[in-house]
Amino acid sequence: MSAVMASPHGDDVRLAERLVVAPVAGVFRPHPPHTYTSEGEILLEGEVLGVVEGPGSTVDVVSFCTGFLMELLAEDGERVRPGQPLAWLHVIHGMPPQ
């Protein structure tokens, strides 16, 4: 359940579930997992979870928050478009970036 709290800067929305999306169009290639726990793989804020290969370039797919990787939403080699969800994370609030 997410909570909305009053803040001097507006709403403070803390969503427990977040999506990492494709930054560009191309072919998605996930990286192998780095950090496992008994609950599953943890992705750290700023960690590269894969790449999108396009014509003449390869762009990193970077996690913008720290959380448990619940599921990859794109297969290795799948063609993706900008903004397409690639990974589903359950956010770990309060864990400092590594």
Protein backbone atom coordinates (compact mmCIF):
# COMPACT_ATOMS: atom_id res chain seq x y z
CA MET A 1 0.00 0.00 0.00
CA SER A 2 1.38 3.41 -0.87
CA ALA A 3 1.02 6.46 1.34
CA VAL A 4 0.54 10.08 0.32
CA MET A 5 1.87 12.51 2.92
CA ALA A 6 1.66 16.28 3.10
CA SER A 7 4.94 18.01 2.38
CA PRO A 8 5.97 21.67 2.02
CA HIS A 9 6.95 20.79 -1.56
CA GLY A 10 3.69 19.01 -2.47
CA ASP A 11 2.64 15.40 -2.22
CA ASP A 12 5.21 12.88 -1.00
CA VAL A 13 4.18 9.75 -2.87
CA ARG A 14 6.02 6.58 -1.86
CA LEU A 15 5.10 3.78 -4.22
CA ALA A 16 6.21 0.28 -3.27
CA GLU A 17 6.08 -0.98 -6.86
CA ARG A 18 8.04 0.73 -9.64
CA LEU A 19 8.89 0.01 -13.27
CA VAL A 20 12.22 0.48 -15.03
CA VAL A 21 11.56 1.39 -18.66
CA ALA A 22 13.49 1.24 -21.92
CA PRO A 23 15.39 4.49 -22.55
CA VAL A 24 15.42 4.00 -26.35
CA ALA A 25 14.11 1.67 -29.05
CA GLY A 26 16.14 -1.44 -29.87
CA VAL A 27 16.83 -4.98 -28.67
CA PHE A 28 16.88 -5.65 -24.89
CA ARG A 29 19.78 -7.67 -23.44
CA PRO A 30 19.61 -8.23 -19.65
CA HIS A 31 22.76 -8.51 -17.55
CA PRO A 32 23.21 -11.46 -15.19
CA PRO A 33 22.14 -10.74 -11.59
CA HIS A 34 24.76 -9.43 -9.13
CA THR A 35 23.21 -9.45 -5.66
CA TYR A 36 20.97 -12.25 -4.37
CA THR A 37 19.19 -12.51 -1.02
CA SER A 38 16.71 -15.07 0.30
CA GLU A 39 13.96 -12.79 -1.07
CA GLY A 40 15.51 -12.57 -4.53
CA GLU A 41 17.79 -10.28 -6.48
CA ILE A 42 18.38 -6.75 -5.24
CA LEU A 43 18.97 -3.96 -7.77
CA LEU A 44 20.72 -0.92 -6.37
CA GLU A 45 19.97 2.64 -7.42
CA GLY A 46 22.21 3.42 -10.40
CA GLU A 47 22.91 -0.27 -11.17
CA VAL A 48 22.84 -1.32 -14.83
CA LEU A 49 20.36 -4.16 -15.31
CA GLY A 50 20.91 -4.57 -19.03
CA VAL A 51 21.28 -2.74 -22.32
CA VAL A 52 19.18 -1.78 -25.30
CA GLU A 53 21.06 -2.29 -28.55
CA GLY A 54 20.03 0.03 -31.35
CA PRO A 55 21.42 0.86 -34.77
CA GLY A 56 24.95 2.04 -34.08
CA SER A 57 24.59 2.41 -30.31
CA THR A 58 24.12 0.52 -27.06
CA VAL A 59 22.34 2.28 -24.18
CA ASP A 60 22.48 1.12 -20.55
CA VAL A 61 19.21 0.39 -18.73
CA VAL A 62 19.78 1.83 -15.24
CA SER A 63 17.67 1.29 -12.11
CA PHE A 64 16.58 4.66 -10.71
CA CYS A 65 15.82 3.20 -7.26
CA THR A 66 16.86 0.35 -4.97
CA GLY A 67 14.53 -2.63 -4.76
CA PHE A 68 13.89 -6.32 -5.16
CA LEU A 69 13.68 -7.41 -8.80
CA MET A 70 10.24 -9.00 -8.94
CA GLU A 71 10.32 -9.83 -12.64
CA LEU A 72 11.91 -8.91 -15.94
CA LEU A 73 9.10 -7.82 -18.23
CA ALA A 74 11.05 -8.20 -21.48
CA GLU A 75 12.85 -11.27 -22.78
CA ASP A 76 16.48 -11.40 -23.86
CA GLY A 77 16.51 -10.36 -27.53
CA GLU A 78 13.04 -8.77 -27.46
CA ARG A 79 12.55 -5.61 -29.51
CA VAL A 80 11.45 -2.77 -27.23
CA ARG A 81 10.27 0.80 -27.68
CA PRO A 82 11.10 3.89 -25.57
CA GLY A 83 9.16 3.88 -22.30
CA GLN A 84 8.30 0.17 -22.48
CA PRO A 85 8.48 -1.47 -19.01
CA LEU A 86 11.48 -3.80 -18.75
CA ALA A 87 11.62 -4.63 -15.04
CA TRP A 88 9.27 -4.61 -12.05
CA LEU A 89 10.81 -3.63 -8.70
CA HIS A 90 9.51 -3.68 -5.14
CA VAL A 91 11.20 -0.60 -3.67
CA ILE A 92 13.26 -0.82 -0.49
CA HIS A 93 12.72 2.58 1.16
CA GLY A 94 15.47 3.94 3.34
CA MET A 95 18.27 1.81 1.87
CA PRO A 96 21.16 4.14 0.98
CA PRO A 97 22.52 4.08 -2.59
CA GLN A 98 25.70 2.04 -3.02
